Amino acid sequence: MIEKYSFKGEDFAVAMQFENWKIGLLRYSKRFSVFDRLERHMLTDEAFILLDGEAELFTDTESVVMEKCVVYNIPKAVWHHIVVSKDATVMVVENASTCDENTEIKFIKE
């Protein structure tokens, strides 16, 4: 049996979860339209795959303009953020336990 999941809204939504991992879809929203914060997940890596549109992935020391269908991994505890175009869709793969309780956020002042 083939299961199908999709997300056409804004921001981020978990598309599916199975045992110890989950796949989310990230799309344009106010949060992902500007580089004004960094976050880090203390227990797990997080992988990003650009499917449509344009996106730039930032850490506290570097940035990269993402290429479609390339896997970009952010190791656990590395500060990061992503900024996407209005037509972007990014697949996010992470540990199922990734949540607010093991994620830190810091806002960047202009």
C-alpha atoms as a PDB file:
ATOM      1  CA  MET A   1       0.000   0.000   0.000  1.00  0.00           C
ATOM      2  CA  ILE A   2       1.394   3.377  -1.023  1.00  0.00           C
ATOM      3  CA  GLU A   3       0.712   6.278   1.324  1.00  0.00           C
ATOM      4  CA  LYS A   4       0.786   9.839  -0.001  1.00  0.00           C
ATOM      5  CA  TYR A   5       1.492  13.018   1.959  1.00  0.00           C
ATOM      6  CA  SER A   6       1.633  16.652   0.860  1.00  0.00           C
ATOM      7  CA  PHE A   7       1.640  20.152   2.319  1.00  0.00           C
ATOM      8  CA  LYS A   8       0.659  23.245   0.333  1.00  0.00           C
ATOM      9  CA  GLY A   9       0.413  25.719   3.223  1.00  0.00           C
ATOM     10  CA  GLU A  10       2.940  28.144   4.678  1.00  0.00           C
ATOM     11  CA  ASP A  11       5.730  27.617   7.225  1.00  0.00           C
ATOM     12  CA  PHE A  12       6.537  24.030   8.281  1.00  0.00           C
ATOM     13  CA  ALA A  13       4.490  20.885   8.732  1.00  0.00           C
ATOM     14  CA  VAL A  14       5.389  17.277   9.446  1.00  0.00           C
ATOM     15  CA  ALA A  15       4.344  15.301   6.378  1.00  0.00           C
ATOM     16  CA  MET A  16       4.949  11.891   7.924  1.00  0.00           C
ATOM     17  CA  GLN A  17       6.551  10.283  10.930  1.00  0.00           C
ATOM     18  CA  PHE A  18       7.712   6.720  11.394  1.00  0.00           C
ATOM     19  CA  GLU A  19       9.417   5.302  14.490  1.00  0.00           C
ATOM     20  CA  ASN A  20      12.547   7.393  15.150  1.00  0.00           C
ATOM     21  CA  TRP A  21      12.419   9.815  12.214  1.00  0.00           C
ATOM     22  CA  LYS A  22      10.150  12.311  10.516  1.00  0.00           C
ATOM     23  CA  ILE A  23       9.921  14.146   7.212  1.00  0.00           C
ATOM     24  CA  GLY A  24       8.623  17.680   7.091  1.00  0.00           C
ATOM     25  CA  LEU A  25       7.907  20.131   4.315  1.00  0.00           C
ATOM     26  CA  LEU A  26       9.011  23.723   4.721  1.00  0.00           C
ATOM     27  CA  ARG A  27       7.489  26.510   2.645  1.00  0.00           C
ATOM     28  CA  TYR A  28       7.596  30.286   2.601  1.00  0.00           C
ATOM     29  CA  SER A  29       6.336  32.176   5.647  1.00  0.00           C
ATOM     30  CA  LYS A  30       7.338  35.276   7.597  1.00  0.00           C
ATOM     31  CA  ARG A  31       9.647  33.114   9.733  1.00  0.00           C
ATOM     32  CA  PHE A  32      11.503  31.784   6.681  1.00  0.00           C
ATOM     33  CA  SER A  33      11.548  35.035   4.687  1.00  0.00           C
ATOM     34  CA  VAL A  34      14.380  36.784   6.542  1.00  0.00           C
ATOM     35  CA  PHE A  35      17.601  35.898   8.363  1.00  0.00           C
ATOM     36  CA  ASP A  36      16.686  37.211  11.815  1.00  0.00           C
ATOM     37  CA  ARG A  37      17.283  34.160  14.021  1.00  0.00           C
ATOM     38  CA  LEU A  38      19.302  31.005  14.468  1.00  0.00           C
ATOM     39  CA  GLU A  39      18.243  27.730  16.016  1.00  0.00           C
ATOM     40  CA  ARG A  40      19.984  24.543  16.993  1.00  0.00           C
ATOM     41  CA  HIS A  41      18.774  21.068  17.843  1.00  0.00           C
ATOM     42  CA  MET A  42      20.691  19.571  20.728  1.00  0.00           C
ATOM     43  CA  LEU A  43      19.956  15.869  20.092  1.00  0.00           C
ATOM     44  CA  THR A  44      19.923  15.348  16.330  1.00  0.00           C
ATOM     45  CA  ASP A  45      21.204  16.352  12.924  1.00  0.00           C
ATOM     46  CA  GLU A  46      18.760  17.931  10.482  1.00  0.00           C
ATOM     47  CA  ALA A  47      18.871  17.443   6.700  1.00  0.00           C
ATOM     48  CA  PHE A  48      17.429  19.868   4.122  1.00  0.00           C
ATOM     49  CA  ILE A  49      16.634  19.118   0.457  1.00  0.00           C
ATOM     50  CA  LEU A  50      15.452  21.918  -1.853  1.00  0.00           C
ATOM     51  CA  LEU A  51      12.669  20.630  -4.099  1.00  0.00           C
ATOM     52  CA  ASP A  52      11.326  23.859  -5.681  1.00  0.00           C
ATOM     53  CA  GLY A  53      12.142  27.545  -5.713  1.00  0.00           C
ATOM     54  CA  GLU A  54      15.224  29.052  -4.106  1.00  0.00           C
ATOM     55  CA  ALA A  55      16.685  28.831  -0.617  1.00  0.00           C
ATOM     56  CA  GLU A  56      19.739  29.893   1.340  1.00  0.00           C
ATOM     57  CA  LEU A  57      20.920  27.953   4.363  1.00  0.00           C
ATOM     58  CA  PHE A  58      22.813  29.829   7.091  1.00  0.00           C
ATOM     59  CA  THR A  59      24.904  28.805  10.071  1.00  0.00           C
ATOM     60  CA  ASP A  60      26.557  31.210  12.487  1.00  0.00           C
ATOM     61  CA  THR A  61      29.767  31.026  10.405  1.00  0.00           C
ATOM     62  CA  GLU A  62      28.715  30.458   6.773  1.00  0.00           C
ATOM     63  CA  SER A  63      25.892  30.393   4.250  1.00  0.00           C
ATOM     64  CA  VAL A  64      25.154  28.453   1.085  1.00  0.00           C
ATOM     65  CA  VAL A  65      22.711  28.973  -1.748  1.00  0.00           C
ATOM     66  CA  MET A  66      21.026  25.604  -1.996  1.00  0.00           C
ATOM     67  CA  GLU A  67      20.890  23.528  -5.162  1.00  0.00           C
ATOM     68  CA  LYS A  68      17.838  21.400  -5.948  1.00  0.00           C
ATOM     69  CA  CYS A  69      17.955  17.722  -4.976  1.00  0.00           C
ATOM     70  CA  VAL A  70      21.165  18.076  -2.944  1.00  0.00           C
ATOM     71  CA  VAL A  71      21.138  16.958   0.703  1.00  0.00           C
ATOM     72  CA  TYR A  72      22.469  19.569   3.140  1.00  0.00           C
ATOM     73  CA  ASN A  73      23.079  18.247   6.647  1.00  0.00           C
ATOM     74  CA  ILE A  74      23.285  20.424   9.750  1.00  0.00           C
ATOM     75  CA  PRO A  75      24.954  18.458  12.577  1.00  0.00           C
ATOM     76  CA  LYS A  76      23.370  18.558  16.005  1.00  0.00           C
ATOM     77  CA  ALA A  77      24.061  21.657  18.115  1.00  0.00           C
ATOM     78  CA  VAL A  78      25.030  23.804  15.082  1.00  0.00           C
ATOM     79  CA  TRP A  79      23.229  27.155  14.921  1.00  0.00           C
ATOM     80  CA  HIS A  80      21.308  27.472  11.633  1.00  0.00           C
ATOM     81  CA  HIS A  81      18.405  29.069   9.756  1.00  0.00           C
ATOM     82  CA  ILE A  82      16.923  28.871   6.261  1.00  0.00           C
ATOM     83  CA  VAL A  83      15.471  31.631   4.084  1.00  0.00           C
ATOM     84  CA  VAL A  84      13.283  30.586   1.150  1.00  0.00           C
ATOM     85  CA  SER A  85      11.607  32.202  -1.865  1.00  0.00           C
ATOM     86  CA  LYS A  86       7.822  32.473  -2.068  1.00  0.00           C
ATOM     87  CA  ASP A  87       7.655  29.463  -4.423  1.00  0.00           C
ATOM     88  CA  ALA A  88      10.044  27.239  -2.454  1.00  0.00           C
ATOM     89  CA  THR A  89       9.471  23.808  -0.993  1.00  0.00           C
ATOM     90  CA  VAL A  90      12.165  22.215   1.157  1.00  0.00           C
ATOM     91  CA  MET A  91      12.073  18.677   2.530  1.00  0.00           C
ATOM     92  CA  VAL A  92      13.366  18.403   6.098  1.00  0.00           C
ATOM     93  CA  VAL A  93      14.437  15.054   7.561  1.00  0.00           C
ATOM     94  CA  GLU A  94      15.137  14.829  11.280  1.00  0.00           C
ATOM     95  CA  ASN A  95      14.831  12.668  14.336  1.00  0.00           C
ATOM     96  CA  ALA A  96      11.234  12.264  15.498  1.00  0.00           C
ATOM     97  CA  SER A  97      12.169  13.580  18.944  1.00  0.00           C
ATOM     98  CA  THR A  98      13.163  17.012  17.602  1.00  0.00           C
ATOM     99  CA  CYS A  99      10.898  19.522  19.345  1.00  0.00           C
ATOM    100  CA  ASP A 100      10.831  22.821  21.233  1.00  0.00           C
ATOM    101  CA  GLU A 101      12.185  21.157  24.388  1.00  0.00           C
ATOM    102  CA  ASN A 102      15.516  20.220  22.736  1.00  0.00           C
ATOM    103  CA  THR A 103      15.775  23.200  20.376  1.00  0.00           C
ATOM    104  CA  GLU A 104      17.326  26.547  21.218  1.00  0.00           C
ATOM    105  CA  ILE A 105      16.555  29.793  19.366  1.00  0.00           C
ATOM    106  CA  LYS A 106      18.424  33.087  19.425  1.00  0.00           C
ATOM    107  CA  PHE A 107      17.298  36.201  17.587  1.00  0.00           C
ATOM    108  CA  ILE A 108      19.787  38.317  15.665  1.00  0.00           C
ATOM    109  CA  LYS A 109      19.679  42.036  16.338  1.00  0.00           C
ATOM    110  CA  GLU A 110      20.197  44.414  13.428  1.00  0.00           C
END
